[in-house]
Amino acid sequence: MQPIGRVRSTRTEPVDDDWDAVEST
């Protein structure tokens, strides 16, 4: 498979909680 794109986010570490607070692109 080839990626169709990438995530852009302020989160750089896979923290386990509070993901609803994250806006990403």
PDB file of all heavy atoms in Angstrom:
ATOM      1  N   MET A   1       0.849  -1.199   0.000  1.00  0.00           N
ATOM      2  CA  MET A   1       0.000   0.000   0.000  1.00  0.00           C
ATOM      3  C   MET A   1       0.874   1.234   0.000  1.00  0.00           C
ATOM      4  O   MET A   1       1.969   1.215   0.575  1.00  0.00           O
ATOM      5  CB  MET A   1      -0.900   0.016   1.237  1.00  0.00           C
ATOM      6  CG  MET A   1      -1.972  -1.013   1.202  1.00  0.00           C
ATOM      7  SD  MET A   1      -3.092  -0.758   2.561  1.00  0.00           S
ATOM      8  CE  MET A   1      -3.322  -2.449   3.052  1.00  0.00           C
ATOM      9  N   GLN A   2       0.361   2.276  -0.614  1.00  0.00           N
ATOM     10  CA  GLN A   2       1.038   3.573  -0.631  1.00  0.00           C
ATOM     11  C   GLN A   2       0.206   4.556   0.172  1.00  0.00           C
ATOM     12  O   GLN A   2      -1.015   4.622  -0.025  1.00  0.00           O
ATOM     13  CB  GLN A   2       1.163   4.085  -2.072  1.00  0.00           C
ATOM     14  CG  GLN A   2       1.979   3.204  -2.982  1.00  0.00           C
ATOM     15  CD  GLN A   2       3.437   3.156  -2.552  1.00  0.00           C
ATOM     16  OE1 GLN A   2       4.025   4.166  -2.163  1.00  0.00           O
ATOM     17  NE2 GLN A   2       4.017   1.973  -2.599  1.00  0.00           N
ATOM     18  N   PRO A   3       0.823   5.314   1.068  1.00  0.00           N
ATOM     19  CA  PRO A   3       0.055   6.324   1.801  1.00  0.00           C
ATOM     20  C   PRO A   3      -0.585   7.319   0.825  1.00  0.00           C
ATOM     21  O   PRO A   3       0.001   7.647  -0.206  1.00  0.00           O
ATOM     22  CB  PRO A   3       1.091   7.019   2.672  1.00  0.00           C
ATOM     23  CG  PRO A   3       2.220   6.049   2.787  1.00  0.00           C
ATOM     24  CD  PRO A   3       2.226   5.280   1.488  1.00  0.00           C
ATOM     25  N   ILE A   4      -1.777   7.782   1.165  1.00  0.00           N
ATOM     26  CA  ILE A   4      -2.439   8.807   0.361  1.00  0.00           C
ATOM     27  C   ILE A   4      -2.133  10.193   0.901  1.00  0.00           C
ATOM     28  O   ILE A   4      -2.449  11.198   0.271  1.00  0.00           O
ATOM     29  CB  ILE A   4      -3.961   8.596   0.310  1.00  0.00           C
ATOM     30  CG1 ILE A   4      -4.572   8.730   1.708  1.00  0.00           C
ATOM     31  CG2 ILE A   4      -4.297   7.255  -0.338  1.00  0.00           C
ATOM     32  CD1 ILE A   4      -6.068   8.908   1.722  1.00  0.00           C
ATOM     33  N   GLY A   5      -1.521  10.245   2.076  1.00  0.00           N
ATOM     34  CA  GLY A   5      -1.192  11.518   2.700  1.00  0.00           C
ATOM     35  C   GLY A   5      -0.587  11.298   4.074  1.00  0.00           C
ATOM     36  O   GLY A   5      -0.218  10.175   4.438  1.00  0.00           O
ATOM     37  N   ARG A   6      -0.498  12.398   4.827  1.00  0.00           N
ATOM     38  CA  ARG A   6       0.108  12.378   6.166  1.00  0.00           C
ATOM     39  C   ARG A   6      -0.736  13.199   7.124  1.00  0.00           C
ATOM     40  O   ARG A   6      -1.406  14.145   6.727  1.00  0.00           O
ATOM     41  CB  ARG A   6       1.514  12.982   6.144  1.00  0.00           C
ATOM     42  CG  ARG A   6       2.484  12.252   5.268  1.00  0.00           C
ATOM     43  CD  ARG A   6       3.475  11.488   6.095  1.00  0.00           C
ATOM     44  NE  ARG A   6       4.314  10.671   5.200  1.00  0.00           N
ATOM     45  CZ  ARG A   6       4.803   9.519   5.531  1.00  0.00           C
ATOM     46  NH1 ARG A   6       4.573   9.026   6.723  1.00  0.00           N
ATOM     47  NH2 ARG A   6       5.533   8.827   4.699  1.00  0.00           N
ATOM     48  N   VAL A   7      -0.624  12.845   8.391  1.00  0.00           N
ATOM     49  CA  VAL A   7      -1.274  13.608   9.452  1.00  0.00           C
ATOM     50  C   VAL A   7      -0.350  14.752   9.854  1.00  0.00           C
ATOM     51  O   VAL A   7       0.863  14.564   9.993  1.00  0.00           O
ATOM     52  CB  VAL A   7      -1.557  12.710  10.684  1.00  0.00           C
ATOM     53  CG1 VAL A   7      -2.065  13.534  11.864  1.00  0.00           C
ATOM     54  CG2 VAL A   7      -2.529  11.603  10.324  1.00  0.00           C
ATOM     55  N   ARG A   8      -0.925  15.918  10.049  1.00  0.00           N
ATOM     56  CA  ARG A   8      -0.205  17.061  10.622  1.00  0.00           C
ATOM     57  C   ARG A   8      -0.916  17.401  11.923  1.00  0.00           C
ATOM     58  O   ARG A   8      -2.122  17.646  11.940  1.00  0.00           O
ATOM     59  CB  ARG A   8      -0.204  18.264   9.682  1.00  0.00           C
ATOM     60  CG  ARG A   8       0.553  18.014   8.408  1.00  0.00           C
ATOM     61  CD  ARG A   8       2.039  17.802   8.687  1.00  0.00           C
ATOM     62  NE  ARG A   8       2.714  17.266   7.520  1.00  0.00           N
ATOM     63  CZ  ARG A   8       3.612  16.298   7.564  1.00  0.00           C
ATOM     64  NH1 ARG A   8       3.958  15.756   8.712  1.00  0.00           N
ATOM     65  NH2 ARG A   8       4.180  15.860   6.467  1.00  0.00           N
ATOM     66  N   SER A   9      -0.168  17.372  13.020  1.00  0.00           N
ATOM     67  CA  SER A   9      -0.753  17.558  14.342  1.00  0.00           C
ATOM     68  C   SER A   9       0.261  18.169  15.286  1.00  0.00           C
ATOM     69  O   SER A   9       1.471  18.038  15.079  1.00  0.00           O
ATOM     70  CB  SER A   9      -1.204  16.191  14.886  1.00  0.00           C
ATOM     71  OG  SER A   9      -1.670  16.299  16.210  1.00  0.00           O
ATOM     72  N   THR A  10      -0.224  18.791  16.343  1.00  0.00           N
ATOM     73  CA  THR A  10       0.671  19.286  17.384  1.00  0.00           C
ATOM     74  C   THR A  10       1.126  18.152  18.282  1.00  0.00           C
ATOM     75  O   THR A  10       2.113  18.287  18.997  1.00  0.00           O
ATOM     76  CB  THR A  10      -0.021  20.362  18.242  1.00  0.00           C
ATOM     77  OG1 THR A  10      -1.227  19.804  18.779  1.00  0.00           O
ATOM     78  CG2 THR A  10      -0.353  21.597  17.415  1.00  0.00           C
ATOM     79  N   ARG A  11       0.419  17.025  18.232  1.00  0.00           N
ATOM     80  CA  ARG A  11       0.814  15.852  19.030  1.00  0.00           C
ATOM     81  C   ARG A  11       1.930  15.108  18.300  1.00  0.00           C
ATOM     82  O   ARG A  11       1.749  14.677  17.167  1.00  0.00           O
ATOM     83  CB  ARG A  11      -0.359  14.898  19.236  1.00  0.00           C
ATOM     84  CG  ARG A  11      -1.276  15.309  20.346  1.00  0.00           C
ATOM     85  CD  ARG A  11      -1.336  14.207  21.416  1.00  0.00           C
ATOM     86  NE  ARG A  11      -2.197  14.640  22.479  1.00  0.00           N
ATOM     87  CZ  ARG A  11      -3.088  13.880  23.067  1.00  0.00           C
ATOM     88  NH1 ARG A  11      -3.255  12.635  22.711  1.00  0.00           N
ATOM     89  NH2 ARG A  11      -3.814  14.355  24.043  1.00  0.00           N
ATOM     90  N   THR A  12       3.030  14.938  18.994  1.00  0.00           N
ATOM     91  CA  THR A  12       4.168  14.229  18.408  1.00  0.00           C
ATOM     92  C   THR A  12       4.470  12.922  19.131  1.00  0.00           C
ATOM     93  O   THR A  12       5.340  12.174  18.704  1.00  0.00           O
ATOM     94  CB  THR A  12       5.425  15.118  18.428  1.00  0.00           C
ATOM     95  OG1 THR A  12       5.702  15.509  19.778  1.00  0.00           O
ATOM     96  CG2 THR A  12       5.221  16.365  17.557  1.00  0.00           C
ATOM     97  N   GLU A  13       3.765  12.676  20.224  1.00  0.00           N
ATOM     98  CA  GLU A  13       3.942  11.452  20.993  1.00  0.00           C
ATOM     99  C   GLU A  13       2.598  10.745  21.121  1.00  0.00           C
ATOM    100  O   GLU A  13       1.577  11.400  21.298  1.00  0.00           O
ATOM    101  CB  GLU A  13       4.486  11.760  22.397  1.00  0.00           C
ATOM    102  CG  GLU A  13       5.874  12.374  22.390  1.00  0.00           C
ATOM    103  CD  GLU A  13       6.944  11.429  21.876  1.00  0.00           C
ATOM    104  OE1 GLU A  13       6.858  10.211  22.142  1.00  0.00           O
ATOM    105  OE2 GLU A  13       7.862  11.915  21.198  1.00  0.00           O
ATOM    106  N   PRO A  14       2.585   9.414  21.093  1.00  0.00           N
ATOM    107  CA  PRO A  14       1.325   8.664  21.183  1.00  0.00           C
ATOM    108  C   PRO A  14       0.806   8.553  22.617  1.00  0.00           C
ATOM    109  O   PRO A  14       0.789   7.490  23.211  1.00  0.00           O
ATOM    110  CB  PRO A  14       1.694   7.301  20.606  1.00  0.00           C
ATOM    111  CG  PRO A  14       3.151   7.158  20.912  1.00  0.00           C
ATOM    112  CD  PRO A  14       3.726   8.549  20.834  1.00  0.00           C
ATOM    113  N   VAL A  15       0.381   9.673  23.173  1.00  0.00           N
ATOM    114  CA  VAL A  15      -0.192   9.709  24.516  1.00  0.00           C
ATOM    115  C   VAL A  15      -1.553   9.018  24.467  1.00  0.00           C
ATOM    116  O   VAL A  15      -2.282   9.150  23.488  1.00  0.00           O
ATOM    117  CB  VAL A  15      -0.346  11.173  24.991  1.00  0.00           C
ATOM    118  CG1 VAL A  15      -0.881  11.233  26.403  1.00  0.00           C
ATOM    119  CG2 VAL A  15       0.981  11.904  24.884  1.00  0.00           C
ATOM    120  N   ASP A  16      -1.903   8.297  25.523  1.00  0.00           N
ATOM    121  CA  ASP A  16      -3.107   7.469  25.486  1.00  0.00           C
ATOM    122  C   ASP A  16      -4.434   8.188  25.658  1.00  0.00           C
ATOM    123  O   ASP A  16      -5.467   7.610  25.372  1.00  0.00           O
ATOM    124  CB  ASP A  16      -3.018   6.368  26.548  1.00  0.00           C
ATOM    125  CG  ASP A  16      -2.153   5.209  26.092  1.00  0.00           C
ATOM    126  OD1 ASP A  16      -2.108   4.941  24.888  1.00  0.00           O
ATOM    127  OD2 ASP A  16      -1.525   4.577  26.960  1.00  0.00           O
ATOM    128  N   ASP A  17      -4.481   9.416  26.154  1.00  0.00           N
ATOM    129  CA  ASP A  17      -5.761  10.015  26.487  1.00  0.00           C
ATOM    130  C   ASP A  17      -5.963  11.410  25.906  1.00  0.00           C
ATOM    131  O   ASP A  17      -5.038  12.042  25.411  1.00  0.00           O
ATOM    132  CB  ASP A  17      -5.930  10.064  28.010  1.00  0.00           C
ATOM    133  CG  ASP A  17      -6.100   8.676  28.607  1.00  0.00           C
ATOM    134  OD1 ASP A  17      -6.839   7.872  28.027  1.00  0.00           O
ATOM    135  OD2 ASP A  17      -5.482   8.403  29.650  1.00  0.00           O
ATOM    136  N   ASP A  18      -7.220  11.887  26.001  1.00  0.00           N
ATOM    137  CA  ASP A  18      -7.651  13.232  25.640  1.00  0.00           C
ATOM    138  C   ASP A  18      -7.496  13.559  24.151  1.00  0.00           C
ATOM    139  O   ASP A  18      -7.130  14.659  23.777  1.00  0.00           O
ATOM    140  CB  ASP A  18      -6.917  14.272  26.503  1.00  0.00           C
ATOM    141  CG  ASP A  18      -7.665  15.590  26.561  1.00  0.00           C
ATOM    142  OD1 ASP A  18      -8.898  15.591  26.388  1.00  0.00           O
ATOM    143  OD2 ASP A  18      -7.012  16.631  26.757  1.00  0.00           O
ATOM    144  N   TRP A  19      -7.819  12.624  23.293  1.00  0.00           N
ATOM    145  CA  TRP A  19      -7.668  12.836  21.846  1.00  0.00           C
ATOM    146  C   TRP A  19      -8.729  13.750  21.262  1.00  0.00           C
ATOM    147  O   TRP A  19      -8.509  14.354  20.207  1.00  0.00           O
ATOM    148  CB  TRP A  19      -7.649  11.495  21.117  1.00  0.00           C
ATOM    149  CG  TRP A  19      -6.343  10.799  21.284  1.00  0.00           C
ATOM    150  CD1 TRP A  19      -6.059   9.794  22.160  1.00  0.00           C
ATOM    151  CD2 TRP A  19      -5.131  11.054  20.575  1.00  0.00           C
ATOM    152  NE1 TRP A  19      -4.747   9.403  22.033  1.00  0.00           N
ATOM    153  CE2 TRP A  19      -4.147  10.163  21.071  1.00  0.00           C
ATOM    154  CE3 TRP A  19      -4.776  11.946  19.581  1.00  0.00           C
ATOM    155  CZ2 TRP A  19      -2.842  10.144  20.598  1.00  0.00           C
ATOM    156  CZ3 TRP A  19      -3.468  11.925  19.090  1.00  0.00           C
ATOM    157  CH2 TRP A  19      -2.519  11.031  19.613  1.00  0.00           C
ATOM    158  N   ASP A  20      -9.897  13.878  21.906  1.00  0.00           N
ATOM    159  CA  ASP A  20     -10.913  14.786  21.368  1.00  0.00           C
ATOM    160  C   ASP A  20     -10.445  16.235  21.366  1.00  0.00           C
ATOM    161  O   ASP A  20     -10.951  17.048  20.600  1.00  0.00           O
ATOM    162  CB  ASP A  20     -12.216  14.695  22.175  1.00  0.00           C
ATOM    163  CG  ASP A  20     -13.216  13.743  21.550  1.00  0.00           C
ATOM    164  OD1 ASP A  20     -13.003  13.320  20.396  1.00  0.00           O
ATOM    165  OD2 ASP A  20     -14.207  13.412  22.215  1.00  0.00           O
ATOM    166  N   ALA A  21      -9.495  16.563  22.219  1.00  0.00           N
ATOM    167  CA  ALA A  21      -8.994  17.933  22.293  1.00  0.00           C
ATOM    168  C   ALA A  21      -8.041  18.255  21.141  1.00  0.00           C
ATOM    169  O   ALA A  21      -7.638  19.401  20.972  1.00  0.00           O
ATOM    170  CB  ALA A  21      -8.284  18.150  23.630  1.00  0.00           C
ATOM    171  N   VAL A  22      -7.689  17.264  20.346  1.00  0.00           N
ATOM    172  CA  VAL A  22      -6.687  17.442  19.287  1.00  0.00           C
ATOM    173  C   VAL A  22      -7.363  17.749  17.956  1.00  0.00           C
ATOM    174  O   VAL A  22      -8.188  16.987  17.478  1.00  0.00           O
ATOM    175  CB  VAL A  22      -5.816  16.164  19.143  1.00  0.00           C
ATOM    176  CG1 VAL A  22      -4.824  16.312  18.007  1.00  0.00           C
ATOM    177  CG2 VAL A  22      -5.105  15.862  20.453  1.00  0.00           C
ATOM    178  N   GLU A  23      -6.983  18.893  17.381  1.00  0.00           N
ATOM    179  CA  GLU A  23      -7.362  19.194  16.002  1.00  0.00           C
ATOM    180  C   GLU A  23      -6.132  18.917  15.151  1.00  0.00           C
ATOM    181  O   GLU A  23      -5.026  19.322  15.494  1.00  0.00           O
ATOM    182  CB  GLU A  23      -7.795  20.647  15.847  1.00  0.00           C
ATOM    183  CG  GLU A  23      -9.157  20.925  16.415  1.00  0.00           C
ATOM    184  CD  GLU A  23      -9.664  22.322  16.086  1.00  0.00           C
ATOM    185  OE1 GLU A  23      -9.188  22.935  15.100  1.00  0.00           O
ATOM    186  OE2 GLU A  23     -10.537  22.800  16.816  1.00  0.00           O
ATOM    187  N   SER A  24      -6.327  18.208  14.074  1.00  0.00           N
ATOM    188  CA  SER A  24      -5.217  17.901  13.182  1.00  0.00           C
ATOM    189  C   SER A  24      -5.681  18.000  11.743  1.00  0.00           C
ATOM    190  O   SER A  24      -6.856  18.244  11.466  1.00  0.00           O
ATOM    191  CB  SER A  24      -4.626  16.519  13.505  1.00  0.00           C
ATOM    192  OG  SER A  24      -5.620  15.534  13.508  1.00  0.00           O
ATOM    193  N   THR A  25      -4.747  17.798  10.846  1.00  0.00           N
ATOM    194  CA  THR A  25      -5.029  17.897   9.422  1.00  0.00           C
ATOM    195  C   THR A  25      -4.520  16.647   8.732  1.00  0.00           C
ATOM    196  O   THR A  25      -3.415  16.186   9.020  1.00  0.00           O
ATOM    197  CB  THR A  25      -4.324  19.140   8.824  1.00  0.00           C
ATOM    198  OG1 THR A  25      -4.730  20.289   9.564  1.00  0.00           O
ATOM    199  CG2 THR A  25      -4.676  19.327   7.366  1.00  0.00           C
TER     200      THR A  25
END
